[in-house]
Amino acid sequence: MNIDELKSVARAIVADQKGILAADESGPTIKKRFDAIKLECSEENRRRYREILFTTVGAERHLGGVILYDETLRQSSTEGIPFAELLSSRGILPGIKVDSGAKPLALHAGEKITEGLDGLRERLQEYRQLGAKFAKWRGVIEIDAAALPSSYAMRANAHALARYAALCQEAGIVPIVEPEVLMDGAHGLQRCETVSAQMLEAVFEELAAHGVALEGMLLKPNMVIAGMKSPQQADIGQVAAATMRCLARHVPPAVPGIVFLSGGQSAEDATAHLSAMNQLGPFPWQVSFSYGRALQAPVLDSWKGAEQNVAEAQKIFLRRCQLNSLACAGKYDSGMEGST
């Protein structure tokens, strides 16, 4: 493990108000996205869509990394340039999703465990040869009234995240550790903060036990948000305050960056929350984004699979990248939406 290299990559991803594009949707997930715009989910359409994102002029000023799916890492541009090489040439570091998804946790109804550790050492070696500089693994925690999550489910997912992170660093790849407390359900803001705190505590306990160098990783947590079914929703400022209070108490300052997931929020809300959090700084870590839908949903709606819409779709994508970069500096304002 070359800790200096890991630290350099981790810092580069979140330097200069840059963030991450999460373009690692699995086959079934991106099919849902394409179904919504009535586009066939063929390999060529998936390749072309990702190419539109990766070749957007100016995006490199706002993106430090892109998380790819296995298929995408092996694909190339229309000119035959491998996507990892294309991104690297623009100063954007390529990453790879390495987990195989969340499956039911045995004997724990309603809870899940993320799989994919079998053979991971060998896959990481191959991904590194293909150009990947960092990786991502997502653990999923669901809140259901007072019963879920169980302490066992949190410990099991934390253990898997730490094993993955250790294997990544062994292979010279920066791990993004993603413990996601889902915003589904009817729980309130305080319940989300409590569970998020418990999960972070379990994760960092396991990372320490596995010998993971915190300076060579990134954390991708959920924001502290009330469940979507909750009758009482918090405003932007309340979410920002609760989230940063939770992170300040449980994330060691050695971690170079926190890159939030959007977790089903609208593009505008995800950006507003990120900006409000940065306005509460400074913090010991860079506070940035690793967004999928919050960057891509408006792009898909504009593109709709038609080549004549590519220029407008790229313009929209660039604007969302710009706005989130501003949010990393706490300088986003909702009045910027729709402006160029």
C-alpha atoms as a PDB file:
ATOM      1  CA  MET A   1       0.000   0.000   0.000  1.00  0.00           C
ATOM      2  CA  ASN A   2       1.401   3.359  -1.069  1.00  0.00           C
ATOM      3  CA  ILE A   3      -0.255   5.691   1.405  1.00  0.00           C
ATOM      4  CA  ASP A   4       1.136   8.808  -0.278  1.00  0.00           C
ATOM      5  CA  GLU A   5      -0.473   7.813  -3.576  1.00  0.00           C
ATOM      6  CA  LEU A   6      -3.779   7.056  -1.875  1.00  0.00           C
ATOM      7  CA  LYS A   7      -3.742  10.395  -0.067  1.00  0.00           C
ATOM      8  CA  SER A   8      -2.922  12.229  -3.286  1.00  0.00           C
ATOM      9  CA  VAL A   9      -5.802  10.628  -5.194  1.00  0.00           C
ATOM     10  CA  ALA A  10      -8.306  11.163  -2.377  1.00  0.00           C
ATOM     11  CA  ARG A  11      -7.394  14.833  -2.074  1.00  0.00           C
ATOM     12  CA  ALA A  12      -7.418  15.388  -5.848  1.00  0.00           C
ATOM     13  CA  ILE A  13     -10.994  14.136  -6.176  1.00  0.00           C
ATOM     14  CA  VAL A  14     -12.336  16.858  -3.868  1.00  0.00           C
ATOM     15  CA  ALA A  15      -9.836  19.636  -4.590  1.00  0.00           C
ATOM     16  CA  ASP A  16     -10.912  23.101  -5.746  1.00  0.00           C
ATOM     17  CA  GLN A  17     -14.632  22.652  -5.034  1.00  0.00           C
ATOM     18  CA  LYS A  18     -14.789  19.560  -7.238  1.00  0.00           C
ATOM     19  CA  GLY A  19     -17.071  16.589  -6.711  1.00  0.00           C
ATOM     20  CA  ILE A  20     -18.010  13.221  -8.197  1.00  0.00           C
ATOM     21  CA  LEU A  21     -20.445  12.152 -10.891  1.00  0.00           C
ATOM     22  CA  ALA A  22     -21.961   8.805  -9.886  1.00  0.00           C
ATOM     23  CA  ALA A  23     -22.512   7.147 -13.282  1.00  0.00           C
ATOM     24  CA  ASP A  24     -22.455   3.628 -11.864  1.00  0.00           C
ATOM     25  CA  GLU A  25     -26.092   2.640 -12.302  1.00  0.00           C
ATOM     26  CA  SER A  26     -26.577  -1.095 -12.636  1.00  0.00           C
ATOM     27  CA  GLY A  27     -28.394  -2.544 -15.633  1.00  0.00           C
ATOM     28  CA  PRO A  28     -31.833  -2.666 -13.947  1.00  0.00           C
ATOM     29  CA  THR A  29     -31.424   0.849 -12.521  1.00  0.00           C
ATOM     30  CA  ILE A  30     -30.470   2.556 -15.748  1.00  0.00           C
ATOM     31  CA  LYS A  31     -33.257   0.654 -17.510  1.00  0.00           C
ATOM     32  CA  LYS A  32     -35.715   2.417 -15.212  1.00  0.00           C
ATOM     33  CA  ARG A  33     -34.155   5.750 -16.151  1.00  0.00           C
ATOM     34  CA  PHE A  34     -34.371   4.943 -19.865  1.00  0.00           C
ATOM     35  CA  ASP A  35     -37.925   3.599 -19.545  1.00  0.00           C
ATOM     36  CA  ALA A  36     -38.945   6.996 -18.159  1.00  0.00           C
ATOM     37  CA  ILE A  37     -37.817   8.674 -21.409  1.00  0.00           C
ATOM     38  CA  LYS A  38     -39.068   5.770 -23.566  1.00  0.00           C
ATOM     39  CA  LEU A  39     -35.584   4.753 -24.717  1.00  0.00           C
ATOM     40  CA  GLU A  40     -34.431   1.186 -25.310  1.00  0.00           C
ATOM     41  CA  CYS A  41     -31.861   0.135 -22.712  1.00  0.00           C
ATOM     42  CA  SER A  42     -29.378  -1.256 -25.220  1.00  0.00           C
ATOM     43  CA  GLU A  43     -25.644  -1.423 -24.628  1.00  0.00           C
ATOM     44  CA  GLU A  44     -25.061   1.196 -27.331  1.00  0.00           C
ATOM     45  CA  ASN A  45     -27.600   3.604 -25.820  1.00  0.00           C
ATOM     46  CA  ARG A  46     -25.998   3.185 -22.397  1.00  0.00           C
ATOM     47  CA  ARG A  47     -22.564   3.797 -23.911  1.00  0.00           C
ATOM     48  CA  ARG A  48     -23.713   6.844 -25.843  1.00  0.00           C
ATOM     49  CA  TYR A  49     -25.433   8.356 -22.827  1.00  0.00           C
ATOM     50  CA  ARG A  50     -22.320   8.036 -20.662  1.00  0.00           C
ATOM     51  CA  GLU A  51     -20.222   9.459 -23.511  1.00  0.00           C
ATOM     52  CA  ILE A  52     -22.442  12.549 -23.604  1.00  0.00           C
ATOM     53  CA  LEU A  53     -21.751  13.125 -19.908  1.00  0.00           C
ATOM     54  CA  PHE A  54     -18.018  12.400 -20.092  1.00  0.00           C
ATOM     55  CA  THR A  55     -17.367  14.665 -23.086  1.00  0.00           C
ATOM     56  CA  THR A  56     -19.210  17.730 -21.790  1.00  0.00           C
ATOM     57  CA  VAL A  57     -16.789  20.602 -22.302  1.00  0.00           C
ATOM     58  CA  GLY A  58     -15.971  22.369 -19.052  1.00  0.00           C
ATOM     59  CA  ALA A  59     -17.191  19.605 -16.712  1.00  0.00           C
ATOM     60  CA  GLU A  60     -13.578  18.906 -15.741  1.00  0.00           C
ATOM     61  CA  ARG A  61     -13.541  22.222 -13.859  1.00  0.00           C
ATOM     62  CA  HIS A  62     -16.160  20.873 -11.468  1.00  0.00           C
ATOM     63  CA  LEU A  63     -15.665  17.085 -11.405  1.00  0.00           C
ATOM     64  CA  GLY A  64     -12.722  15.407  -9.729  1.00  0.00           C
ATOM     65  CA  GLY A  65     -13.955  11.890 -10.379  1.00  0.00           C
ATOM     66  CA  VAL A  66     -16.579   9.712 -12.056  1.00  0.00           C
ATOM     67  CA  ILE A  67     -17.800   6.390 -10.642  1.00  0.00           C
ATOM     68  CA  LEU A  68     -18.244   3.861 -13.457  1.00  0.00           C
ATOM     69  CA  TYR A  69     -20.094   0.563 -13.719  1.00  0.00           C
ATOM     70  CA  ASP A  70     -18.183  -2.556 -14.813  1.00  0.00           C
ATOM     71  CA  GLU A  71     -19.647  -2.362 -18.308  1.00  0.00           C
ATOM     72  CA  THR A  72     -18.831   1.330 -18.649  1.00  0.00           C
ATOM     73  CA  LEU A  73     -15.219   0.924 -17.541  1.00  0.00           C
ATOM     74  CA  ARG A  74     -14.766  -1.486 -20.450  1.00  0.00           C
ATOM     75  CA  GLN A  75     -16.429   0.790 -23.020  1.00  0.00           C
ATOM     76  CA  SER A  76     -14.910   3.432 -25.273  1.00  0.00           C
ATOM     77  CA  SER A  77     -15.873   6.688 -26.943  1.00  0.00           C
ATOM     78  CA  THR A  78     -17.087   6.870 -30.539  1.00  0.00           C
ATOM     79  CA  GLU A  79     -13.450   7.527 -31.510  1.00  0.00           C
ATOM     80  CA  GLY A  80     -12.332   4.347 -29.759  1.00  0.00           C
ATOM     81  CA  ILE A  81     -10.780   5.938 -26.653  1.00  0.00           C
ATOM     82  CA  PRO A  82     -11.448   3.880 -23.484  1.00  0.00           C
ATOM     83  CA  PHE A  83     -13.610   5.894 -21.117  1.00  0.00           C
ATOM     84  CA  ALA A  84     -11.060   5.622 -18.290  1.00  0.00           C
ATOM     85  CA  GLU A  85      -8.402   7.065 -20.591  1.00  0.00           C
ATOM     86  CA  LEU A  86     -10.771   9.751 -21.877  1.00  0.00           C
ATOM     87  CA  LEU A  87     -11.627  10.906 -18.361  1.00  0.00           C
ATOM     88  CA  SER A  88      -8.013  10.806 -17.170  1.00  0.00           C
ATOM     89  CA  SER A  89      -6.894  12.914 -20.131  1.00  0.00           C
ATOM     90  CA  ARG A  90      -9.307  15.605 -18.942  1.00  0.00           C
ATOM     91  CA  GLY A  91      -8.056  15.505 -15.364  1.00  0.00           C
ATOM     92  CA  ILE A  92     -11.085  13.551 -14.093  1.00  0.00           C
ATOM     93  CA  LEU A  93     -10.192  10.423 -12.113  1.00  0.00           C
ATOM     94  CA  PRO A  94     -12.069   7.237 -13.079  1.00  0.00           C
ATOM     95  CA  GLY A  95     -13.541   5.074 -10.333  1.00  0.00           C
ATOM     96  CA  ILE A  96     -15.514   1.831 -10.214  1.00  0.00           C
ATOM     97  CA  LYS A  97     -18.479   0.426  -8.297  1.00  0.00           C
ATOM     98  CA  VAL A  98     -17.391  -2.937  -6.907  1.00  0.00           C
ATOM     99  CA  ASP A  99     -20.252  -4.226  -4.752  1.00  0.00           C
ATOM    100  CA  SER A 100     -22.842  -6.602  -6.190  1.00  0.00           C
ATOM    101  CA  GLY A 101     -25.850  -5.028  -4.527  1.00  0.00           C
ATOM    102  CA  ALA A 102     -27.825  -5.263  -1.316  1.00  0.00           C
ATOM    103  CA  LYS A 103     -29.490  -8.610  -0.582  1.00  0.00           C
ATOM    104  CA  PRO A 104     -31.789  -9.735   2.276  1.00  0.00           C
ATOM    105  CA  LEU A 105     -29.891 -10.253   5.533  1.00  0.00           C
ATOM    106  CA  ALA A 106     -30.502 -13.825   6.691  1.00  0.00           C
ATOM    107  CA  LEU A 107     -32.791 -14.147   9.727  1.00  0.00           C
ATOM    108  CA  HIS A 108     -33.302 -10.366   9.875  1.00  0.00           C
ATOM    109  CA  ALA A 109     -36.540  -9.518   8.099  1.00  0.00           C
ATOM    110  CA  GLY A 110     -36.599  -6.164   6.373  1.00  0.00           C
ATOM    111  CA  GLU A 111     -32.829  -5.642   6.548  1.00  0.00           C
ATOM    112  CA  LYS A 112     -30.133  -5.996   3.921  1.00  0.00           C
ATOM    113  CA  ILE A 113     -26.448  -6.770   3.577  1.00  0.00           C
ATOM    114  CA  THR A 114     -24.316  -5.730   0.625  1.00  0.00           C
ATOM    115  CA  GLU A 115     -22.540  -8.581  -1.160  1.00  0.00           C
ATOM    116  CA  GLY A 116     -19.523  -8.732  -3.444  1.00  0.00           C
ATOM    117  CA  LEU A 117     -16.524  -9.519  -1.236  1.00  0.00           C
ATOM    118  CA  ASP A 118     -15.886 -12.897  -2.847  1.00  0.00           C
ATOM    119  CA  GLY A 119     -13.214 -12.462  -5.506  1.00  0.00           C
ATOM    120  CA  LEU A 120     -12.911  -8.744  -4.812  1.00  0.00           C
ATOM    121  CA  ARG A 121      -9.109  -8.815  -4.453  1.00  0.00           C
ATOM    122  CA  GLU A 122      -8.738 -10.177  -7.985  1.00  0.00           C
ATOM    123  CA  ARG A 123     -11.350  -7.813  -9.443  1.00  0.00           C
ATOM    124  CA  LEU A 124      -9.627  -4.817  -7.893  1.00  0.00           C
ATOM    125  CA  GLN A 125      -6.355  -5.825  -9.523  1.00  0.00           C
ATOM    126  CA  GLU A 126      -8.101  -5.983 -12.907  1.00  0.00           C
ATOM    127  CA  TYR A 127      -9.911  -2.681 -12.365  1.00  0.00           C
ATOM    128  CA  ARG A 128      -6.627  -0.993 -11.500  1.00  0.00           C
ATOM    129  CA  GLN A 129      -5.131  -2.285 -14.752  1.00  0.00           C
ATOM    130  CA  LEU A 130      -8.153  -0.866 -16.587  1.00  0.00           C
ATOM    131  CA  GLY A 131      -7.429   2.559 -15.111  1.00  0.00           C
ATOM    132  CA  ALA A 132      -9.585   2.806 -11.970  1.00  0.00           C
ATOM    133  CA  LYS A 133      -8.105   5.040  -9.272  1.00  0.00           C
ATOM    134  CA  PHE A 134     -10.862   4.698  -6.695  1.00  0.00           C
ATOM    135  CA  ALA A 135     -13.815   2.440  -5.900  1.00  0.00           C
ATOM    136  CA  LYS A 136     -17.212   2.573  -4.228  1.00  0.00           C
ATOM    137  CA  TRP A 137     -19.186   0.185  -2.010  1.00  0.00           C
ATOM    138  CA  ARG A 138     -22.664   1.011  -0.687  1.00  0.00           C
ATOM    139  CA  GLY A 139     -24.141  -0.316   2.520  1.00  0.00           C
ATOM    140  CA  VAL A 140     -27.907   0.171   2.941  1.00  0.00           C
ATOM    141  CA  ILE A 141     -29.614   0.842   6.268  1.00  0.00           C
ATOM    142  CA  GLU A 142     -33.391   1.166   6.462  1.00  0.00           C
ATOM    143  CA  ILE A 143     -35.341   2.819   9.279  1.00  0.00           C
ATOM    144  CA  ASP A 144     -38.705   1.303  10.178  1.00  0.00           C
ATOM    145  CA  ALA A 145     -40.414   2.719  13.265  1.00  0.00           C
ATOM    146  CA  ALA A 146     -38.364   1.841  16.355  1.00  0.00           C
ATOM    147  CA  ALA A 147     -37.513  -1.747  15.358  1.00  0.00           C
ATOM    148  CA  LEU A 148     -35.112  -1.179  12.474  1.00  0.00           C
ATOM    149  CA  PRO A 149     -32.267  -1.018  12.004  1.00  0.00           C
ATOM    150  CA  SER A 150     -30.970  -3.665  14.357  1.00  0.00           C
ATOM    151  CA  SER A 151     -27.517  -3.214  15.838  1.00  0.00           C
ATOM    152  CA  TYR A 152     -26.495  -6.440  14.114  1.00  0.00           C
ATOM    153  CA  ALA A 153     -27.437  -5.154  10.649  1.00  0.00           C
ATOM    154  CA  MET A 154     -25.412  -2.009  11.238  1.00  0.00           C
ATOM    155  CA  ARG A 155     -22.400  -3.976  12.478  1.00  0.00           C
ATOM    156  CA  ALA A 156     -22.607  -6.436   9.581  1.00  0.00           C
ATOM    157  CA  ASN A 157     -22.704  -3.681   6.972  1.00  0.00           C
ATOM    158  CA  ALA A 158     -19.938  -1.745   8.723  1.00  0.00           C
ATOM    159  CA  HIS A 159     -17.768  -4.867   8.740  1.00  0.00           C
ATOM    160  CA  ALA A 160     -18.329  -5.421   5.000  1.00  0.00           C
ATOM    161  CA  LEU A 161     -17.507  -1.779   4.254  1.00  0.00           C
ATOM    162  CA  ALA A 162     -14.261  -2.059   6.217  1.00  0.00           C
ATOM    163  CA  ARG A 163     -13.225  -5.328   4.541  1.00  0.00           C
ATOM    164  CA  TYR A 164     -13.842  -3.733   1.153  1.00  0.00           C
ATOM    165  CA  ALA A 165     -11.891  -0.607   2.113  1.00  0.00           C
ATOM    166  CA  ALA A 166      -8.913  -2.635   3.316  1.00  0.00           C
ATOM    167  CA  LEU A 167      -8.830  -4.644   0.084  1.00  0.00           C
ATOM    168  CA  CYS A 168      -8.982  -1.440  -1.945  1.00  0.00           C
ATOM    169  CA  GLN A 169      -6.048   0.138  -0.156  1.00  0.00           C
ATOM    170  CA  GLU A 170      -4.070  -3.098  -0.467  1.00  0.00           C
ATOM    171  CA  ALA A 171      -4.614  -2.850  -4.241  1.00  0.00           C
ATOM    172  CA  GLY A 172      -3.623   0.826  -4.370  1.00  0.00           C
ATOM    173  CA  ILE A 173      -7.193   2.017  -4.933  1.00  0.00           C
ATOM    174  CA  VAL A 174      -8.885   4.724  -2.850  1.00  0.00           C
ATOM    175  CA  PRO A 175     -12.098   3.389  -1.248  1.00  0.00           C
ATOM    176  CA  ILE A 176     -15.234   5.472  -1.056  1.00  0.00           C
ATOM    177  CA  VAL A 177     -17.080   4.171   1.994  1.00  0.00           C
ATOM    178  CA  GLU A 178     -20.833   4.637   1.606  1.00  0.00           C
ATOM    179  CA  PRO A 179     -23.054   3.851   4.602  1.00  0.00           C
ATOM    180  CA  GLU A 180     -26.466   5.037   3.413  1.00  0.00           C
ATOM    181  CA  VAL A 181     -29.326   5.479   5.850  1.00  0.00           C
ATOM    182  CA  LEU A 182     -32.291   5.533   3.484  1.00  0.00           C
ATOM    183  CA  MET A 183     -34.741   8.429   3.439  1.00  0.00           C
ATOM    184  CA  ASP A 184     -37.683   6.088   2.853  1.00  0.00           C
ATOM    185  CA  GLY A 185     -40.117   5.694   5.710  1.00  0.00           C
ATOM    186  CA  ALA A 186     -41.975   7.944   8.132  1.00  0.00           C
ATOM    187  CA  HIS A 187     -39.181   8.664  10.619  1.00  0.00           C
ATOM    188  CA  GLY A 188     -38.375  12.206  11.677  1.00  0.00           C
ATOM    189  CA  LEU A 189     -35.163  14.202  11.482  1.00  0.00           C
ATOM    190  CA  GLN A 190     -34.007  13.260  14.981  1.00  0.00           C
ATOM    191  CA  ARG A 191     -34.459   9.545  14.334  1.00  0.00           C
ATOM    192  CA  CYS A 192     -32.398   9.828  11.156  1.00  0.00           C
ATOM    193  CA  GLU A 193     -29.655  11.652  13.048  1.00  0.00           C
ATOM    194  CA  THR A 194     -29.584   9.008  15.770  1.00  0.00           C
ATOM    195  CA  VAL A 195     -29.329   6.105  13.318  1.00  0.00           C
ATOM    196  CA  SER A 196     -26.784   7.927  11.139  1.00  0.00           C
ATOM    197  CA  ALA A 197     -24.630   8.534  14.209  1.00  0.00           C
ATOM    198  CA  GLN A 198     -24.839   4.878  15.235  1.00  0.00           C
ATOM    199  CA  MET A 199     -23.891   3.747  11.737  1.00  0.00           C
ATOM    200  CA  LEU A 200     -20.941   6.122  11.472  1.00  0.00           C
ATOM    201  CA  GLU A 201     -19.684   5.004  14.863  1.00  0.00           C
ATOM    202  CA  ALA A 202     -19.854   1.347  13.767  1.00  0.00           C
ATOM    203  CA  VAL A 203     -18.147   2.093  10.441  1.00  0.00           C
ATOM    204  CA  PHE A 204     -15.163   3.931  11.899  1.00  0.00           C
ATOM    205  CA  GLU A 205     -14.747   1.312  14.622  1.00  0.00           C
ATOM    206  CA  GLU A 206     -14.493  -1.366  11.923  1.00  0.00           C
ATOM    207  CA  LEU A 207     -12.219   0.736   9.700  1.00  0.00           C
ATOM    208  CA  ALA A 208      -9.826   1.097  12.623  1.00  0.00           C
ATOM    209  CA  ALA A 209      -9.944  -2.615  13.379  1.00  0.00           C
ATOM    210  CA  HIS A 210      -9.122  -3.411   9.733  1.00  0.00           C
ATOM    211  CA  GLY A 211      -6.188  -1.006   9.636  1.00  0.00           C
ATOM    212  CA  VAL A 212      -7.668   1.276   6.980  1.00  0.00           C
ATOM    213  CA  ALA A 213      -5.741   4.530   6.554  1.00  0.00           C
ATOM    214  CA  LEU A 214      -8.351   7.264   6.931  1.00  0.00           C
ATOM    215  CA  GLU A 215      -6.178   9.726   4.994  1.00  0.00           C
ATOM    216  CA  GLY A 216      -6.522   7.506   1.908  1.00  0.00           C
ATOM    217  CA  MET A 217     -10.313   7.164   1.740  1.00  0.00           C
ATOM    218  CA  LEU A 218     -13.439   9.235   1.217  1.00  0.00           C
ATOM    219  CA  LEU A 219     -16.749   8.996   3.067  1.00  0.00           C
ATOM    220  CA  LYS A 220     -20.041   9.045   1.145  1.00  0.00           C
ATOM    221  CA  PRO A 221     -22.813   9.405   3.743  1.00  0.00           C
ATOM    222  CA  ASN A 222     -26.469  10.298   3.582  1.00  0.00           C
ATOM    223  CA  MET A 223     -27.621  13.706   4.707  1.00  0.00           C
ATOM    224  CA  VAL A 224     -29.699  13.765   7.886  1.00  0.00           C
ATOM    225  CA  ILE A 225     -33.197  14.084   6.459  1.00  0.00           C
ATOM    226  CA  ALA A 226     -36.664  13.114   7.682  1.00  0.00           C
ATOM    227  CA  GLY A 227     -38.226  10.137   5.913  1.00  0.00           C
ATOM    228  CA  MET A 228     -40.219  10.917   2.788  1.00  0.00           C
ATOM    229  CA  LYS A 229     -43.411   9.712   4.506  1.00  0.00           C
ATOM    230  CA  SER A 230     -42.860  11.821   7.597  1.00  0.00           C
ATOM    231  CA  PRO A 231     -45.566  14.450   8.159  1.00  0.00           C
ATOM    232  CA  GLN A 232     -42.923  16.844   9.481  1.00  0.00           C
ATOM    233  CA  GLN A 233     -40.211  17.777   6.995  1.00  0.00           C
ATOM    234  CA  ALA A 234     -37.184  19.855   7.989  1.00  0.00           C
ATOM    235  CA  ASP A 235     -36.136  22.944   6.070  1.00  0.00           C
ATOM    236  CA  ILE A 236     -32.788  23.416   4.338  1.00  0.00           C
ATOM    237  CA  GLY A 237     -31.119  24.985   7.364  1.00  0.00           C
ATOM    238  CA  GLN A 238     -32.320  22.306   9.777  1.00  0.00           C
ATOM    239  CA  VAL A 239     -31.047  19.515   7.536  1.00  0.00           C
ATOM    240  CA  ALA A 240     -27.678  21.230   7.183  1.00  0.00           C
ATOM    241  CA  ALA A 241     -27.310  21.792  10.929  1.00  0.00           C
ATOM    242  CA  ALA A 242     -28.321  18.244  11.884  1.00  0.00           C
ATOM    243  CA  THR A 243     -26.072  16.688   9.255  1.00  0.00           C
ATOM    244  CA  MET A 244     -22.952  18.629  10.149  1.00  0.00           C
ATOM    245  CA  ARG A 245     -23.544  18.167  13.875  1.00  0.00           C
ATOM    246  CA  CYS A 246     -23.699  14.409  13.320  1.00  0.00           C
ATOM    247  CA  LEU A 247     -20.594  14.322  11.134  1.00  0.00           C
ATOM    248  CA  ALA A 248     -18.577  16.588  13.428  1.00  0.00           C
ATOM    249  CA  ARG A 249     -19.193  14.168  16.289  1.00  0.00           C
ATOM    250  CA  HIS A 250     -18.413  10.956  14.443  1.00  0.00           C
ATOM    251  CA  VAL A 251     -16.089  11.533  11.453  1.00  0.00           C
ATOM    252  CA  PRO A 252     -12.375  11.826  12.297  1.00  0.00           C
ATOM    253  CA  PRO A 253     -10.595  14.880  10.864  1.00  0.00           C
ATOM    254  CA  ALA A 254      -8.070  12.597   9.116  1.00  0.00           C
ATOM    255  CA  VAL A 255     -10.660  11.808   6.431  1.00  0.00           C
ATOM    256  CA  PRO A 256      -9.839  14.191   3.538  1.00  0.00           C
ATOM    257  CA  GLY A 257     -13.318  14.480   2.094  1.00  0.00           C
ATOM    258  CA  ILE A 258     -17.020  13.860   2.619  1.00  0.00           C
ATOM    259  CA  VAL A 259     -18.898  13.420  -0.658  1.00  0.00           C
ATOM    260  CA  PHE A 260     -22.630  13.301  -0.035  1.00  0.00           C
ATOM    261  CA  LEU A 261     -25.077  11.089  -1.862  1.00  0.00           C
ATOM    262  CA  SER A 262     -28.293  12.749  -2.993  1.00  0.00           C
ATOM    263  CA  GLY A 263     -30.472   9.834  -1.900  1.00  0.00           C
ATOM    264  CA  GLY A 264     -33.568  10.577  -3.972  1.00  0.00           C
ATOM    265  CA  GLN A 265     -33.645  14.322  -3.368  1.00  0.00           C
ATOM    266  CA  SER A 266     -34.478  16.674  -6.209  1.00  0.00           C
ATOM    267  CA  ALA A 267     -31.521  18.212  -8.020  1.00  0.00           C
ATOM    268  CA  GLU A 268     -32.301  21.604  -6.497  1.00  0.00           C
ATOM    269  CA  ASP A 269     -32.675  20.344  -2.913  1.00  0.00           C
ATOM    270  CA  ALA A 270     -29.445  18.332  -3.060  1.00  0.00           C
ATOM    271  CA  THR A 271     -27.537  21.425  -4.193  1.00  0.00           C
ATOM    272  CA  ALA A 272     -29.212  23.718  -1.660  1.00  0.00           C
ATOM    273  CA  HIS A 273     -28.464  21.353   1.232  1.00  0.00           C
ATOM    274  CA  LEU A 274     -24.811  21.051   0.192  1.00  0.00           C
ATOM    275  CA  SER A 275     -24.406  24.818   0.023  1.00  0.00           C
ATOM    276  CA  ALA A 276     -26.095  25.354   3.393  1.00  0.00           C
ATOM    277  CA  MET A 277     -23.747  22.837   5.001  1.00  0.00           C
ATOM    278  CA  ASN A 278     -20.659  24.529   3.608  1.00  0.00           C
ATOM    279  CA  GLN A 279     -21.912  27.861   4.906  1.00  0.00           C
ATOM    280  CA  LEU A 280     -21.573  26.395   8.406  1.00  0.00           C
ATOM    281  CA  GLY A 281     -17.845  25.687   7.897  1.00  0.00           C
ATOM    282  CA  PRO A 282     -14.940  25.565   7.869  1.00  0.00           C
ATOM    283  CA  PHE A 283     -14.583  21.846   8.535  1.00  0.00           C
ATOM    284  CA  PRO A 284     -11.555  19.546   8.822  1.00  0.00           C
ATOM    285  CA  TRP A 285     -12.676  17.708   5.675  1.00  0.00           C
ATOM    286  CA  GLN A 286     -13.697  18.934   2.222  1.00  0.00           C
ATOM    287  CA  VAL A 287     -17.505  18.801   1.983  1.00  0.00           C
ATOM    288  CA  SER A 288     -18.562  17.910  -1.540  1.00  0.00           C
ATOM    289  CA  PHE A 289     -20.914  15.789  -3.641  1.00  0.00           C
ATOM    290  CA  SER A 290     -21.114  12.372  -5.264  1.00  0.00           C
ATOM    291  CA  TYR A 291     -24.430  12.700  -7.048  1.00  0.00           C
ATOM    292  CA  GLY A 292     -26.170  10.432  -9.520  1.00  0.00           C
ATOM    293  CA  ARG A 293     -29.766  11.428 -10.147  1.00  0.00           C
ATOM    294  CA  ALA A 294     -29.240  14.944  -8.802  1.00  0.00           C
ATOM    295  CA  LEU A 295     -26.814  15.583 -11.668  1.00  0.00           C
ATOM    296  CA  GLN A 296     -28.373  13.369 -14.317  1.00  0.00           C
ATOM    297  CA  ALA A 297     -32.168  13.575 -14.066  1.00  0.00           C
ATOM    298  CA  PRO A 298     -32.445  16.952 -15.855  1.00  0.00           C
ATOM    299  CA  VAL A 299     -29.962  15.719 -18.487  1.00  0.00           C
ATOM    300  CA  LEU A 300     -31.986  12.614 -19.314  1.00  0.00           C
ATOM    301  CA  ASP A 301     -35.178  14.642 -19.540  1.00  0.00           C
ATOM    302  CA  SER A 302     -33.506  16.929 -22.077  1.00  0.00           C
ATOM    303  CA  TRP A 303     -31.669  14.285 -24.124  1.00  0.00           C
ATOM    304  CA  LYS A 304     -34.442  11.669 -24.531  1.00  0.00           C
ATOM    305  CA  GLY A 305     -32.115   9.614 -26.721  1.00  0.00           C
ATOM    306  CA  ALA A 306     -32.121  12.103 -29.611  1.00  0.00           C
ATOM    307  CA  GLU A 307     -28.834  13.298 -31.108  1.00  0.00           C
ATOM    308  CA  GLN A 308     -30.279  16.715 -31.876  1.00  0.00           C
ATOM    309  CA  ASN A 309     -30.728  17.216 -28.119  1.00  0.00           C
ATOM    310  CA  VAL A 310     -27.128  16.428 -27.146  1.00  0.00           C
ATOM    311  CA  ALA A 311     -25.875  20.028 -27.055  1.00  0.00           C
ATOM    312  CA  GLU A 312     -28.731  21.166 -24.813  1.00  0.00           C
ATOM    313  CA  ALA A 313     -28.355  18.117 -22.569  1.00  0.00           C
ATOM    314  CA  GLN A 314     -24.648  18.834 -22.122  1.00  0.00           C
ATOM    315  CA  LYS A 315     -25.406  22.479 -21.364  1.00  0.00           C
ATOM    316  CA  ILE A 316     -27.794  21.380 -18.616  1.00  0.00           C
ATOM    317  CA  PHE A 317     -25.278  18.892 -17.241  1.00  0.00           C
ATOM    318  CA  LEU A 318     -22.525  21.496 -17.135  1.00  0.00           C
ATOM    319  CA  ARG A 319     -24.830  23.914 -15.329  1.00  0.00           C
ATOM    320  CA  ARG A 320     -25.682  21.360 -12.639  1.00  0.00           C
ATOM    321  CA  CYS A 321     -21.959  20.649 -12.173  1.00  0.00           C
ATOM    322  CA  GLN A 322     -21.287  24.390 -11.869  1.00  0.00           C
ATOM    323  CA  LEU A 323     -24.049  24.889  -9.307  1.00  0.00           C
ATOM    324  CA  ASN A 324     -22.811  22.038  -7.127  1.00  0.00           C
ATOM    325  CA  SER A 325     -19.270  23.343  -7.349  1.00  0.00           C
ATOM    326  CA  LEU A 326     -20.573  26.680  -6.072  1.00  0.00           C
ATOM    327  CA  ALA A 327     -22.376  24.791  -3.297  1.00  0.00           C
ATOM    328  CA  CYS A 328     -19.024  23.298  -2.245  1.00  0.00           C
ATOM    329  CA  ALA A 329     -17.984  26.869  -1.477  1.00  0.00           C
ATOM    330  CA  GLY A 330     -21.317  27.742   0.154  1.00  0.00           C
ATOM    331  CA  LYS A 331     -22.091  30.165  -2.678  1.00  0.00           C
ATOM    332  CA  TYR A 332     -25.157  28.580  -4.279  1.00  0.00           C
ATOM    333  CA  ASP A 333     -28.475  30.424  -4.260  1.00  0.00           C
ATOM    334  CA  SER A 334     -31.777  29.054  -5.541  1.00  0.00           C
ATOM    335  CA  GLY A 335     -32.118  32.168  -7.680  1.00  0.00           C
ATOM    336  CA  MET A 336     -29.292  30.753  -9.818  1.00  0.00           C
ATOM    337  CA  GLU A 337     -31.559  27.978 -11.085  1.00  0.00           C
ATOM    338  CA  GLY A 338     -32.430  28.563 -14.710  1.00  0.00           C
ATOM    339  CA  SER A 339     -29.679  31.142 -15.213  1.00  0.00           C
ATOM    340  CA  THR A 340     -26.588  30.530 -17.332  1.00  0.00           C
END
